[in-house]
Amino acid sequence: MITARTEQADFDFLVPTRKELMRPEEVSASLDRSKDFVYDLVIEGKLESHRQGSKERTFLRVTRRSVVLYHLETASYEPADFARRLADLAKTLSPAMRRQLAQQLLES
């Protein structure tokens, strides 16, 4: 369940590009849905978009933040759930493996 404490940054990993404006193909890949689905989300106002180009040829671009927000709104989990589950798993490791894991986390 998503709560007010959930932050958009918690879902950044789902959108690998750092570009602020994304092509429909990139959005489609991030959502694992068709381009038509992306266009439908734009029409429904669920994704922010911009038309760029000239009269002869226009290009649709979708804001990265609205893609991340869409992921956040449709998630069935809290990002903190992952950390809790990882901590529960770490409790089952030997002390030596826990120290190694802690060291690797500190270095990342």
Protein backbone atom coordinates (compact mmCIF):
# COMPACT_ATOMS: atom_id res chain seq x y z
CA MET A 1 0.00 0.00 0.00
CA ILE A 2 1.41 3.37 -1.00
CA THR A 3 1.60 5.94 1.79
CA ALA A 4 2.40 9.62 1.96
CA ARG A 5 5.94 8.72 3.03
CA THR A 6 6.62 7.11 -0.34
CA GLU A 7 8.73 9.41 -2.46
CA GLN A 8 9.02 9.67 -6.20
CA ALA A 9 12.76 9.00 -5.88
CA ASP A 10 11.92 5.52 -4.55
CA PHE A 11 10.72 4.63 -8.05
CA ASP A 12 13.50 6.27 -10.08
CA PHE A 13 15.12 2.91 -10.74
CA LEU A 14 12.14 1.94 -12.90
CA VAL A 15 12.95 4.67 -15.43
CA PRO A 16 16.58 4.10 -16.46
CA THR A 17 16.99 7.28 -18.50
CA ARG A 18 17.84 10.60 -16.85
CA LYS A 19 16.40 12.58 -19.79
CA GLU A 20 13.61 14.89 -18.65
CA LEU A 21 11.63 14.37 -21.86
CA MET A 22 11.21 10.84 -23.16
CA ARG A 23 10.12 9.43 -26.51
CA PRO A 24 6.96 7.28 -26.50
CA GLU A 25 9.12 4.21 -27.28
CA GLU A 26 11.18 4.83 -24.15
CA VAL A 27 8.06 5.25 -22.03
CA SER A 28 6.62 2.09 -23.55
CA ALA A 29 9.76 0.14 -22.59
CA SER A 30 9.74 1.54 -19.05
CA LEU A 31 6.08 0.60 -18.54
CA ASP A 32 6.43 -2.68 -20.45
CA ARG A 33 3.34 -1.71 -22.41
CA SER A 34 2.59 -0.79 -26.03
CA LYS A 35 3.06 2.64 -27.57
CA ASP A 36 -0.72 2.80 -28.01
CA PHE A 37 -1.09 2.37 -24.24
CA VAL A 38 1.32 5.29 -23.73
CA TYR A 39 -0.68 7.48 -26.13
CA ASP A 40 -3.88 6.53 -24.28
CA LEU A 41 -2.30 7.60 -20.96
CA VAL A 42 -1.36 10.94 -22.54
CA ILE A 43 -4.90 11.44 -23.86
CA GLU A 44 -6.34 10.54 -20.42
CA GLY A 45 -4.04 13.11 -18.80
CA LYS A 46 -2.15 10.50 -16.77
CA LEU A 47 1.16 11.38 -18.43
CA GLU A 48 2.42 14.92 -19.03
CA SER A 49 3.43 15.48 -22.63
CA HIS A 50 4.74 18.07 -25.05
CA ARG A 51 4.41 18.30 -28.81
CA GLN A 52 7.61 19.42 -30.43
CA GLY A 53 8.67 20.01 -33.99
CA SER A 54 7.20 21.90 -36.91
CA LYS A 55 3.86 21.99 -38.71
CA GLU A 56 5.05 19.31 -41.12
CA ARG A 57 6.30 16.95 -38.43
CA THR A 58 5.58 16.90 -34.73
CA PHE A 59 7.07 14.72 -32.05
CA LEU A 60 5.48 13.71 -28.77
CA ARG A 61 7.65 13.81 -25.67
CA VAL A 62 6.56 12.65 -22.21
CA THR A 63 8.01 14.03 -19.00
CA ARG A 64 10.13 11.57 -17.05
CA ARG A 65 8.60 12.74 -13.79
CA SER A 66 5.11 11.76 -14.94
CA VAL A 67 6.37 8.28 -15.89
CA VAL A 68 7.94 7.86 -12.43
CA LEU A 69 4.72 9.17 -10.87
CA TYR A 70 2.68 6.67 -12.89
CA HIS A 71 4.86 3.87 -11.52
CA LEU A 72 4.35 5.23 -8.01
CA GLU A 73 0.56 5.48 -8.41
CA THR A 74 0.19 1.96 -9.82
CA ALA A 75 2.55 0.18 -7.41
CA SER A 76 1.10 -2.42 -5.09
CA TYR A 77 3.99 -2.19 -2.63
CA GLU A 78 5.95 0.23 -0.51
CA PRO A 79 9.64 0.66 -1.36
CA ALA A 80 10.38 0.26 2.35
CA ASP A 81 8.96 -3.27 2.13
CA PHE A 82 12.02 -4.28 0.13
CA ALA A 83 14.37 -2.94 2.80
CA ARG A 84 12.45 -4.77 5.53
CA ARG A 85 12.53 -8.04 3.60
CA LEU A 86 16.23 -7.64 2.88
CA ALA A 87 16.87 -7.01 6.58
CA ASP A 88 14.90 -10.15 7.47
CA LEU A 89 17.00 -12.11 5.00
CA ALA A 90 20.23 -10.65 6.41
CA LYS A 91 19.26 -11.96 9.85
CA THR A 92 19.63 -15.49 8.49
CA LEU A 93 23.24 -14.91 7.33
CA SER A 94 26.29 -15.77 9.33
CA PRO A 95 27.98 -12.89 11.21
CA ALA A 96 30.83 -12.91 8.68
CA MET A 97 28.43 -12.65 5.74
CA ARG A 98 26.48 -9.84 7.48
CA ARG A 99 29.72 -7.89 7.94
CA GLN A 100 30.60 -8.42 4.28
CA LEU A 101 27.13 -7.29 3.20
CA ALA A 102 27.33 -4.21 5.44
CA GLN A 103 30.72 -3.30 4.00
CA GLN A 104 29.45 -3.64 0.42
CA LEU A 105 26.42 -1.51 1.21
CA LEU A 106 28.62 1.20 2.71
CA GLU A 107 30.83 1.22 -0.37
CA SER A 108 27.92 1.58 -2.81
